[in-house]
Amino acid sequence: MREWWRELAGLVLPAECAGCGAGRVLLCGACRYALSGTGAGRVRPVARPRGPAGLPAVYAGARYEGAVRAVVLAHKERGALPLAGPLGAALAAAVARAGDGGARGAELVLVPVPSARRAVRARGHDPARRIALAASARLRRAGAPARVAPVLRLRRAVADQAGLGARERQENLAGALEVRPGGAALAAGARIVLVDDVITTGATLAEAARALRAAGLRADAAAVVAAPARSFPGVPGGRGPDGNPDRAQTRE
């Protein structure tokens, strides 16, 4: 009877923490803390500190390494949908930082970067949208008038970004996004924050911001779940406030 119960429990309960592999828990306390947003702050693309032209200020909720990277990939590529909640916590913290200085009480619209239809079919879900919904729910519980609006869509096919450099990614995405019919009305008069799971070169967010501008809209900022550690100012290999290497934290 005991062995039968263990087998049944294995089908219902998570086998291990998605971040570190600890025993039978969706996400252990340490990995959940890594996504709590305590280290949220402004980040800059690694390859090009100032980012591509038109990139709005970008904020991240966590560092894309170790357990955080494992959780992002488990949700995105392996369909671990319950992880959207913890990932949404990190994104909500980044959005909150992005909103500092904004008009108090102004409606906040999170605009996810759209995934290609083939990617959504292959994964069975749209990761950025699912995380954005979790983040907006968390922000509303905290008293912020936030909602998610599907403003953008892909207007043409793009190549897989994996393995492409900064310039190649920018060329791959140039003109690839547009505001969907009626999309402008979904965000009219609100503060817009573009959201995605991870930033690398900034090409995707810059293209999303361009598409908004073409439709008469403006992204106040962008927010992501995570960014490489060296994208954060004040860490080894990071960037200072001017976008240059942080000399106080790096070796010559």
Protein backbone atom coordinates (compact mmCIF):
# COMPACT_ATOMS: atom_id res chain seq x y z
CA MET A 1 0.00 0.00 0.00
CA ARG A 2 2.82 2.41 0.89
CA GLU A 3 4.58 1.90 -2.48
CA TRP A 4 1.29 2.39 -4.33
CA TRP A 5 0.72 5.69 -2.50
CA ARG A 6 4.22 6.89 -3.38
CA GLU A 7 3.64 6.19 -7.06
CA LEU A 8 0.30 8.02 -7.00
CA ALA A 9 1.84 10.99 -5.15
CA GLY A 10 4.58 11.15 -7.77
CA LEU A 11 1.94 11.76 -10.44
CA VAL A 12 0.26 14.55 -8.49
CA LEU A 13 3.03 16.30 -6.56
CA PRO A 14 6.15 17.90 -8.10
CA ALA A 15 9.12 15.53 -8.06
CA GLU A 16 11.61 18.28 -7.25
CA CYS A 17 12.08 22.03 -7.02
CA ALA A 18 12.19 23.50 -10.52
CA GLY A 19 15.05 25.76 -9.52
CA CYS A 20 17.49 23.65 -7.54
CA GLY A 21 16.12 20.09 -7.52
CA ALA A 22 15.26 20.00 -3.81
CA GLY A 23 12.76 17.35 -2.75
CA ARG A 24 9.07 17.24 -3.67
CA VAL A 25 8.10 20.91 -3.86
CA LEU A 26 7.20 23.13 -6.82
CA LEU A 27 9.70 25.77 -5.73
CA CYS A 28 11.72 25.74 -2.52
CA GLY A 29 11.98 28.77 -0.24
CA ALA A 30 15.41 29.80 -1.48
CA CYS A 31 14.43 29.66 -5.15
CA ARG A 32 11.16 31.47 -4.46
CA TYR A 33 13.15 34.19 -2.70
CA ALA A 34 15.41 34.53 -5.75
CA LEU A 35 12.27 35.44 -7.71
CA SER A 36 10.78 37.68 -5.02
CA GLY A 37 12.03 40.84 -6.72
CA THR A 38 14.20 42.04 -3.83
CA GLY A 39 17.01 42.76 -6.28
CA ALA A 40 14.87 44.38 -8.97
CA GLY A 41 16.49 47.28 -10.77
CA ARG A 42 17.36 48.91 -14.04
CA VAL A 43 19.43 46.87 -16.47
CA ARG A 44 21.16 47.37 -19.78
CA PRO A 45 21.89 44.98 -22.66
CA VAL A 46 25.20 43.19 -22.24
CA ALA A 47 26.58 43.40 -25.77
CA ARG A 48 25.60 47.03 -26.35
CA PRO A 49 25.33 48.97 -23.07
CA ARG A 50 23.19 51.72 -24.54
CA GLY A 51 21.05 49.19 -26.36
CA PRO A 52 19.56 49.48 -29.83
CA ALA A 53 18.02 52.79 -30.86
CA GLY A 54 14.61 53.36 -29.38
CA LEU A 55 15.00 50.94 -26.48
CA PRO A 56 13.10 52.28 -23.45
CA ALA A 57 14.47 52.02 -19.93
CA VAL A 58 14.44 48.33 -18.95
CA TYR A 59 14.00 46.90 -15.44
CA ALA A 60 14.51 43.29 -14.35
CA GLY A 61 13.26 41.46 -11.28
CA ALA A 62 16.05 38.89 -10.95
CA ARG A 63 19.39 37.76 -12.29
CA TYR A 64 19.23 35.24 -15.11
CA GLU A 65 21.48 32.58 -13.63
CA GLY A 66 21.29 29.38 -11.62
CA ALA A 67 17.88 28.63 -10.18
CA VAL A 68 16.19 31.60 -11.86
CA ARG A 69 17.34 30.46 -15.29
CA ALA A 70 16.16 26.91 -14.52
CA VAL A 71 12.70 28.13 -13.50
CA VAL A 72 12.33 30.36 -16.57
CA LEU A 73 13.20 27.44 -18.86
CA ALA A 74 11.00 24.97 -16.99
CA HIS A 75 8.02 27.28 -17.47
CA LYS A 76 8.84 28.31 -21.02
CA GLU A 77 10.08 25.10 -22.61
CA ARG A 78 8.74 22.30 -20.42
CA GLY A 79 5.27 23.63 -19.71
CA ALA A 80 5.56 23.91 -15.92
CA LEU A 81 2.61 26.32 -15.87
CA PRO A 82 2.29 26.76 -12.06
CA LEU A 83 5.68 28.51 -12.17
CA ALA A 84 3.99 31.52 -13.80
CA GLY A 85 3.08 32.72 -10.30
CA PRO A 86 6.63 32.96 -8.90
CA LEU A 87 7.91 34.33 -12.21
CA GLY A 88 5.09 36.87 -12.13
CA ALA A 89 6.32 38.02 -8.72
CA ALA A 90 9.70 38.93 -10.20
CA LEU A 91 8.08 40.65 -13.17
CA ALA A 92 5.70 42.58 -10.91
CA ALA A 93 8.69 43.89 -8.92
CA ALA A 94 10.38 45.01 -12.15
CA VAL A 95 7.18 46.73 -13.30
CA ALA A 96 6.89 48.47 -9.95
CA ARG A 97 10.44 49.78 -10.29
CA ALA A 98 9.67 50.86 -13.85
CA GLY A 99 6.65 52.76 -12.55
CA ASP A 100 8.55 54.75 -9.92
CA GLY A 101 7.99 58.40 -10.65
CA GLY A 102 4.89 57.78 -12.72
CA ALA A 103 1.54 59.41 -12.11
CA ARG A 104 0.05 57.94 -8.94
CA GLY A 105 -3.16 56.06 -9.66
CA ALA A 106 -2.65 56.10 -13.45
CA GLU A 107 -3.81 52.95 -15.19
CA LEU A 108 -0.93 50.64 -16.01
CA VAL A 109 -1.09 48.46 -19.11
CA LEU A 110 1.36 45.59 -19.48
CA VAL A 111 1.98 44.79 -23.14
CA PRO A 112 3.63 41.38 -23.62
CA VAL A 113 6.03 40.79 -26.48
CA PRO A 114 4.11 38.32 -28.66
CA SER A 115 5.42 34.83 -29.36
CA ALA A 116 5.35 33.31 -32.84
CA ARG A 117 2.30 31.14 -33.43
CA ARG A 118 4.45 28.12 -34.14
CA ALA A 119 6.25 28.58 -30.82
CA VAL A 120 2.94 28.86 -28.96
CA ARG A 121 1.69 25.69 -30.64
CA ALA A 122 4.90 23.83 -29.84
CA ARG A 123 4.94 24.92 -26.19
CA GLY A 124 1.21 24.75 -25.66
CA HIS A 125 1.12 28.23 -24.14
CA ASP A 126 2.42 31.80 -24.49
CA PRO A 127 4.99 32.21 -21.66
CA ALA A 128 5.29 36.01 -21.71
CA ARG A 129 1.53 36.53 -21.67
CA ARG A 130 0.99 34.00 -18.88
CA ILE A 131 3.68 35.60 -16.70
CA ALA A 132 2.28 39.08 -17.46
CA LEU A 133 -1.16 37.98 -16.27
CA ALA A 134 0.34 36.67 -13.03
CA ALA A 135 2.26 39.92 -12.56
CA SER A 136 -0.78 42.13 -13.20
CA ALA A 137 -2.83 40.14 -10.68
CA ARG A 138 -0.10 40.63 -8.09
CA LEU A 139 0.10 44.36 -8.82
CA ARG A 140 -3.65 44.74 -8.45
CA ARG A 141 -3.53 43.00 -5.07
CA ALA A 142 -0.96 45.61 -4.07
CA GLY A 143 -3.32 48.40 -5.13
CA ALA A 144 -1.91 49.24 -8.56
CA PRO A 145 -4.49 49.49 -11.38
CA ALA A 146 -2.73 47.10 -13.75
CA ARG A 147 -3.99 44.97 -16.61
CA VAL A 148 -2.60 43.06 -19.59
CA ALA A 149 -3.45 44.08 -23.15
CA PRO A 150 -2.58 42.03 -26.28
CA VAL A 151 -1.62 45.11 -28.28
CA LEU A 152 1.15 43.67 -30.46
CA ARG A 153 1.36 40.90 -33.02
CA LEU A 154 3.94 39.51 -35.43
CA ARG A 155 3.42 40.72 -38.99
CA ARG A 156 5.95 38.36 -40.55
CA ALA A 157 7.93 35.27 -39.70
CA VAL A 158 11.27 35.66 -37.94
CA ALA A 159 14.21 33.29 -37.58
CA ASP A 160 15.06 31.60 -34.29
CA GLN A 161 17.08 34.12 -32.27
CA ALA A 162 19.28 31.49 -30.61
CA GLY A 163 22.88 31.87 -31.70
CA LEU A 164 22.38 35.29 -33.30
CA GLY A 165 24.51 38.27 -32.30
CA ALA A 166 23.18 41.70 -31.36
CA ARG A 167 23.28 43.12 -34.90
CA GLU A 168 21.84 39.91 -36.39
CA ARG A 169 18.96 39.92 -33.91
CA GLN A 170 18.18 43.52 -34.71
CA GLU A 171 18.14 42.79 -38.45
CA ASN A 172 16.05 39.65 -37.90
CA LEU A 173 13.39 41.59 -35.99
CA ALA A 174 13.36 44.84 -37.96
CA GLY A 175 9.76 45.61 -38.86
CA ALA A 176 8.52 42.26 -37.55
CA LEU A 177 6.00 43.60 -35.04
CA GLU A 178 2.92 45.76 -35.41
CA VAL A 179 -0.03 46.93 -33.36
CA ARG A 180 -2.98 44.63 -34.04
CA PRO A 181 -6.24 46.13 -35.35
CA GLY A 182 -7.94 47.82 -32.43
CA GLY A 183 -4.83 47.39 -30.32
CA ALA A 184 -4.20 51.09 -29.89
CA ALA A 185 -7.58 51.52 -28.22
CA LEU A 186 -6.66 48.86 -25.65
CA ALA A 187 -3.89 51.04 -24.26
CA ALA A 188 -5.04 54.56 -25.07
CA GLY A 189 -4.47 56.99 -22.20
CA ALA A 190 -2.66 54.44 -20.01
CA ARG A 191 0.96 54.11 -18.97
CA ILE A 192 2.43 51.33 -21.11
CA VAL A 193 5.12 48.95 -19.92
CA LEU A 194 6.43 46.38 -22.39
CA VAL A 195 7.05 43.01 -20.75
CA ASP A 196 9.01 39.88 -21.63
CA ASP A 197 10.70 37.03 -19.78
CA VAL A 198 14.38 37.78 -20.41
CA ILE A 199 16.45 40.53 -22.03
CA THR A 200 19.71 39.82 -23.84
CA THR A 201 20.57 42.31 -26.61
CA GLY A 202 17.41 44.40 -26.25
CA ALA A 203 16.50 43.94 -29.94
CA THR A 204 13.07 42.45 -29.22
CA LEU A 205 12.00 45.18 -26.82
CA ALA A 206 13.35 47.90 -29.12
CA GLU A 207 11.30 46.51 -32.02
CA ALA A 208 8.21 46.33 -29.80
CA ALA A 209 8.70 49.97 -28.80
CA ARG A 210 9.10 50.96 -32.46
CA ALA A 211 5.85 49.20 -33.37
CA LEU A 212 4.03 51.12 -30.64
CA ARG A 213 5.43 54.44 -31.84
CA ALA A 214 4.31 53.68 -35.40
CA ALA A 215 0.75 53.45 -34.07
CA GLY A 216 0.97 56.64 -32.03
CA LEU A 217 1.64 54.91 -28.71
CA ARG A 218 4.64 55.17 -26.39
CA ALA A 219 6.20 52.67 -24.02
CA ASP A 220 6.99 54.39 -20.74
CA ALA A 221 9.41 51.57 -19.87
CA ALA A 222 10.03 47.85 -20.28
CA ALA A 223 10.19 45.13 -17.63
CA VAL A 224 11.47 41.56 -17.70
CA VAL A 225 11.57 38.67 -15.27
CA ALA A 226 15.34 38.39 -15.45
CA ALA A 227 18.51 39.69 -17.05
CA PRO A 228 22.12 38.47 -17.04
CA ALA A 229 23.88 39.40 -13.80
CA ARG A 230 26.38 41.59 -15.60
CA SER A 231 23.50 43.73 -16.92
CA PHE A 232 22.91 45.09 -13.42
CA PRO A 233 24.99 48.08 -12.28
CA GLY A 234 27.19 47.49 -9.25
CA VAL A 235 27.97 43.81 -9.83
CA PRO A 236 31.22 42.31 -11.19
CA GLY A 237 31.21 42.92 -14.91
CA GLY A 238 28.14 45.13 -14.56
CA ARG A 239 27.42 48.58 -15.95
CA GLY A 240 27.48 51.88 -14.20
CA PRO A 241 24.76 54.52 -14.44
CA ASP A 242 26.36 55.93 -17.59
CA GLY A 243 26.30 52.55 -19.33
CA ASN A 244 30.06 52.11 -19.07
CA PRO A 245 31.74 49.25 -17.19
CA ASP A 246 31.53 49.71 -13.42
CA ARG A 247 35.22 50.32 -12.65
CA ALA A 248 34.68 49.95 -8.91
CA GLN A 249 33.46 46.42 -9.38
CA THR A 250 35.59 45.09 -12.25
CA ARG A 251 39.22 44.19 -12.61
CA GLU A 252 41.34 46.16 -15.04
